């Protein structure tokens, strides 16, 4: 008597499943590459429009020197702290810009073409308010 041997493969080994997943992945990669190529990248990653609160630290350092009578050593140390702060602030600003761009990209993927166009206009109109809120 012959027994039937099961030749069923796990789903992840099924050539149809693997092929479908690869096609979806490649289509997503191609869509992302095309959108970045045709200018979305520059619109999504806008340049920092407002300077950091400590722009170089020179005006603040001068005021601290004048009002606190800092020693040369104190002034140099505070200058270094302000320079570090400026670099840290810019790093955080870049991270915030990336978060905003990611959110915007996800919203754009959900909307239909007409809604995308209206969304872009709405975001352009709201940009001054958003910039003001981000600086608070």
C-alpha atoms as a PDB file:
ATOM      1  CA  UNK A   1       0.000   0.000   0.000  1.00  0.00           C
ATOM      2  CA  UNK A   2       1.374   3.419  -0.965  1.00  0.00           C
ATOM      3  CA  UNK A   3       1.127   6.414   1.298  1.00  0.00           C
ATOM      4  CA  UNK A   4       0.857   9.936  -0.038  1.00  0.00           C
ATOM      5  CA  UNK A   5       3.783  12.119   0.920  1.00  0.00           C
ATOM      6  CA  UNK A   6       2.896  15.765   1.503  1.00  0.00           C
ATOM      7  CA  UNK A   7       4.879  18.036  -0.787  1.00  0.00           C
ATOM      8  CA  UNK A   8       3.266  21.250   0.378  1.00  0.00           C
ATOM      9  CA  UNK A   9       5.784  24.050   0.844  1.00  0.00           C
ATOM     10  CA  UNK A  10       5.551  26.879   3.336  1.00  0.00           C
ATOM     11  CA  UNK A  11       3.945  30.013   1.839  1.00  0.00           C
ATOM     12  CA  UNK A  12       7.222  31.941   1.843  1.00  0.00           C
ATOM     13  CA  UNK A  13       8.744  29.297  -0.470  1.00  0.00           C
ATOM     14  CA  UNK A  14       5.895  29.480  -2.977  1.00  0.00           C
ATOM     15  CA  UNK A  15       7.285  31.021  -6.194  1.00  0.00           C
ATOM     16  CA  UNK A  16       4.075  32.988  -6.777  1.00  0.00           C
ATOM     17  CA  UNK A  17       4.230  34.583  -3.336  1.00  0.00           C
ATOM     18  CA  UNK A  18       7.915  35.431  -3.687  1.00  0.00           C
ATOM     19  CA  UNK A  19       7.379  36.864  -7.183  1.00  0.00           C
ATOM     20  CA  UNK A  20       4.421  38.969  -6.033  1.00  0.00           C
ATOM     21  CA  UNK A  21       6.352  40.339  -3.080  1.00  0.00           C
ATOM     22  CA  UNK A  22       9.321  41.187  -5.275  1.00  0.00           C
ATOM     23  CA  UNK A  23       7.080  42.985  -7.798  1.00  0.00           C
ATOM     24  CA  UNK A  24       5.411  45.019  -5.044  1.00  0.00           C
ATOM     25  CA  UNK A  25       8.802  45.915  -3.560  1.00  0.00           C
ATOM     26  CA  UNK A  26      10.248  46.920  -6.944  1.00  0.00           C
ATOM     27  CA  UNK A  27       7.151  48.971  -7.834  1.00  0.00           C
ATOM     28  CA  UNK A  28       7.422  50.841  -4.534  1.00  0.00           C
ATOM     29  CA  UNK A  29      11.130  51.459  -5.014  1.00  0.00           C
ATOM     30  CA  UNK A  30      10.558  52.705  -8.566  1.00  0.00           C
ATOM     31  CA  UNK A  31       7.713  55.010  -7.469  1.00  0.00           C
ATOM     32  CA  UNK A  32       9.863  56.422  -4.663  1.00  0.00           C
ATOM     33  CA  UNK A  33      12.839  56.958  -6.942  1.00  0.00           C
ATOM     34  CA  UNK A  34      10.718  58.688  -9.581  1.00  0.00           C
ATOM     35  CA  UNK A  35       9.037  60.978  -7.067  1.00  0.00           C
ATOM     36  CA  UNK A  36      12.400  62.014  -5.641  1.00  0.00           C
ATOM     37  CA  UNK A  37      13.844  62.458  -9.127  1.00  0.00           C
ATOM     38  CA  UNK A  38      11.026  64.768 -10.208  1.00  0.00           C
ATOM     39  CA  UNK A  39      11.401  67.283  -7.431  1.00  0.00           C
ATOM     40  CA  UNK A  40       9.482  66.025  -4.432  1.00  0.00           C
ATOM     41  CA  UNK A  41      12.688  65.718  -2.451  1.00  0.00           C
ATOM     42  CA  UNK A  42      13.445  69.425  -2.563  1.00  0.00           C
ATOM     43  CA  UNK A  43       9.846  70.344  -1.727  1.00  0.00           C
ATOM     44  CA  UNK A  44       9.648  67.907   1.163  1.00  0.00           C
ATOM     45  CA  UNK A  45      13.029  68.787   2.646  1.00  0.00           C
ATOM     46  CA  UNK A  46      12.751  72.547   2.718  1.00  0.00           C
ATOM     47  CA  UNK A  47      15.729  74.543   3.788  1.00  0.00           C
ATOM     48  CA  UNK A  48      15.697  75.804   7.314  1.00  0.00           C
ATOM     49  CA  UNK A  49      13.942  79.168   6.999  1.00  0.00           C
ATOM     50  CA  UNK A  50      14.621  80.500  10.472  1.00  0.00           C
ATOM     51  CA  UNK A  51      18.074  80.699  11.973  1.00  0.00           C
ATOM     52  CA  UNK A  52      18.757  78.873  15.198  1.00  0.00           C
ATOM     53  CA  UNK A  53      18.104  80.917  18.331  1.00  0.00           C
ATOM     54  CA  UNK A  54      21.830  81.098  18.972  1.00  0.00           C
ATOM     55  CA  UNK A  55      23.231  82.176  15.625  1.00  0.00           C
ATOM     56  CA  UNK A  56      26.913  81.677  16.148  1.00  0.00           C
ATOM     57  CA  UNK A  57      26.553  82.814  19.735  1.00  0.00           C
ATOM     58  CA  UNK A  58      28.490  86.058  19.143  1.00  0.00           C
ATOM     59  CA  UNK A  59      25.745  88.537  20.199  1.00  0.00           C
ATOM     60  CA  UNK A  60      24.812  86.448  23.231  1.00  0.00           C
ATOM     61  CA  UNK A  61      28.435  85.940  24.208  1.00  0.00           C
ATOM     62  CA  UNK A  62      29.113  89.670  23.937  1.00  0.00           C
ATOM     63  CA  UNK A  63      26.143  90.431  26.174  1.00  0.00           C
ATOM     64  CA  UNK A  64      27.193  87.787  28.710  1.00  0.00           C
ATOM     65  CA  UNK A  65      30.715  89.220  28.715  1.00  0.00           C
ATOM     66  CA  UNK A  66      29.404  92.749  29.274  1.00  0.00           C
ATOM     67  CA  UNK A  67      26.808  91.938  31.933  1.00  0.00           C
ATOM     68  CA  UNK A  68      28.585  89.157  33.823  1.00  0.00           C
ATOM     69  CA  UNK A  69      32.178  90.351  33.526  1.00  0.00           C
ATOM     70  CA  UNK A  70      33.331  86.936  32.339  1.00  0.00           C
ATOM     71  CA  UNK A  71      36.972  85.985  32.531  1.00  0.00           C
ATOM     72  CA  UNK A  72      38.789  85.067  29.335  1.00  0.00           C
ATOM     73  CA  UNK A  73      38.612  81.368  30.336  1.00  0.00           C
ATOM     74  CA  UNK A  74      34.878  81.566  31.082  1.00  0.00           C
ATOM     75  CA  UNK A  75      34.238  83.339  27.800  1.00  0.00           C
ATOM     76  CA  UNK A  76      36.101  80.665  25.826  1.00  0.00           C
ATOM     77  CA  UNK A  77      34.243  77.848  27.593  1.00  0.00           C
ATOM     78  CA  UNK A  78      30.855  79.490  27.051  1.00  0.00           C
ATOM     79  CA  UNK A  79      31.751  80.096  23.404  1.00  0.00           C
ATOM     80  CA  UNK A  80      32.437  76.361  23.021  1.00  0.00           C
ATOM     81  CA  UNK A  81      29.118  75.507  24.701  1.00  0.00           C
ATOM     82  CA  UNK A  82      27.255  77.880  22.377  1.00  0.00           C
ATOM     83  CA  UNK A  83      28.963  76.378  19.316  1.00  0.00           C
ATOM     84  CA  UNK A  84      27.981  72.866  20.469  1.00  0.00           C
ATOM     85  CA  UNK A  85      24.437  74.047  21.098  1.00  0.00           C
ATOM     86  CA  UNK A  86      24.223  75.542  17.610  1.00  0.00           C
ATOM     87  CA  UNK A  87      25.355  72.259  16.042  1.00  0.00           C
ATOM     88  CA  UNK A  88      22.933  70.256  18.230  1.00  0.00           C
ATOM     89  CA  UNK A  89      20.057  72.597  17.328  1.00  0.00           C
ATOM     90  CA  UNK A  90      20.714  72.200  13.601  1.00  0.00           C
ATOM     91  CA  UNK A  91      20.824  68.415  13.993  1.00  0.00           C
ATOM     92  CA  UNK A  92      17.459  68.476  15.755  1.00  0.00           C
ATOM     93  CA  UNK A  93      16.039  70.799  13.101  1.00  0.00           C
ATOM     94  CA  UNK A  94      17.162  68.374  10.366  1.00  0.00           C
ATOM     95  CA  UNK A  95      15.502  65.500  12.226  1.00  0.00           C
ATOM     96  CA  UNK A  96      12.268  67.498  12.549  1.00  0.00           C
ATOM     97  CA  UNK A  97      12.364  68.302   8.846  1.00  0.00           C
ATOM     98  CA  UNK A  98      12.729  64.582   8.085  1.00  0.00           C
ATOM     99  CA  UNK A  99       9.770  63.732  10.348  1.00  0.00           C
ATOM    100  CA  UNK A 100       7.631  66.386   8.641  1.00  0.00           C
ATOM    101  CA  UNK A 101       8.652  65.164   5.200  1.00  0.00           C
ATOM    102  CA  UNK A 102       7.851  61.553   6.086  1.00  0.00           C
ATOM    103  CA  UNK A 103       4.408  62.523   7.353  1.00  0.00           C
ATOM    104  CA  UNK A 104       3.761  64.615   4.288  1.00  0.00           C
ATOM    105  CA  UNK A 105       4.832  61.776   1.999  1.00  0.00           C
ATOM    106  CA  UNK A 106       2.538  59.337   3.769  1.00  0.00           C
ATOM    107  CA  UNK A 107      -0.397  61.750   3.474  1.00  0.00           C
ATOM    108  CA  UNK A 108       0.313  62.324  -0.234  1.00  0.00           C
ATOM    109  CA  UNK A 109       0.309  58.564  -0.859  1.00  0.00           C
ATOM    110  CA  UNK A 110      -3.202  58.311   0.611  1.00  0.00           C
ATOM    111  CA  UNK A 111      -4.715  61.174  -1.398  1.00  0.00           C
ATOM    112  CA  UNK A 112      -5.950  61.040  -4.991  1.00  0.00           C
ATOM    113  CA  UNK A 113      -4.363  63.442  -7.553  1.00  0.00           C
ATOM    114  CA  UNK A 114      -6.984  66.177  -7.076  1.00  0.00           C
ATOM    115  CA  UNK A 115      -6.702  65.966  -3.307  1.00  0.00           C
ATOM    116  CA  UNK A 116      -2.883  66.053  -3.550  1.00  0.00           C
ATOM    117  CA  UNK A 117      -3.026  69.297  -5.512  1.00  0.00           C
ATOM    118  CA  UNK A 118      -5.429  70.867  -2.983  1.00  0.00           C
ATOM    119  CA  UNK A 119      -3.317  69.525  -0.087  1.00  0.00           C
ATOM    120  CA  UNK A 120      -0.183  71.152  -1.544  1.00  0.00           C
ATOM    121  CA  UNK A 121      -2.008  74.487  -1.879  1.00  0.00           C
ATOM    122  CA  UNK A 122      -3.351  74.178   1.663  1.00  0.00           C
ATOM    123  CA  UNK A 123       0.123  73.423   3.028  1.00  0.00           C
ATOM    124  CA  UNK A 124       1.546  76.410   1.121  1.00  0.00           C
ATOM    125  CA  UNK A 125      -1.135  78.663   2.626  1.00  0.00           C
ATOM    126  CA  UNK A 126      -0.539  77.253   6.134  1.00  0.00           C
ATOM    127  CA  UNK A 127       3.272  77.310   5.951  1.00  0.00           C
ATOM    128  CA  UNK A 128       3.695  80.690   7.710  1.00  0.00           C
ATOM    129  CA  UNK A 129       1.557  79.453  10.626  1.00  0.00           C
ATOM    130  CA  UNK A 130       3.426  76.151  10.758  1.00  0.00           C
ATOM    131  CA  UNK A 131       6.775  77.950  10.764  1.00  0.00           C
ATOM    132  CA  UNK A 132       5.579  80.243  13.534  1.00  0.00           C
ATOM    133  CA  UNK A 133       4.391  77.277  15.602  1.00  0.00           C
ATOM    134  CA  UNK A 134       7.687  75.432  15.077  1.00  0.00           C
ATOM    135  CA  UNK A 135       9.692  78.383  16.362  1.00  0.00           C
ATOM    136  CA  UNK A 136       7.772  78.573  19.648  1.00  0.00           C
END
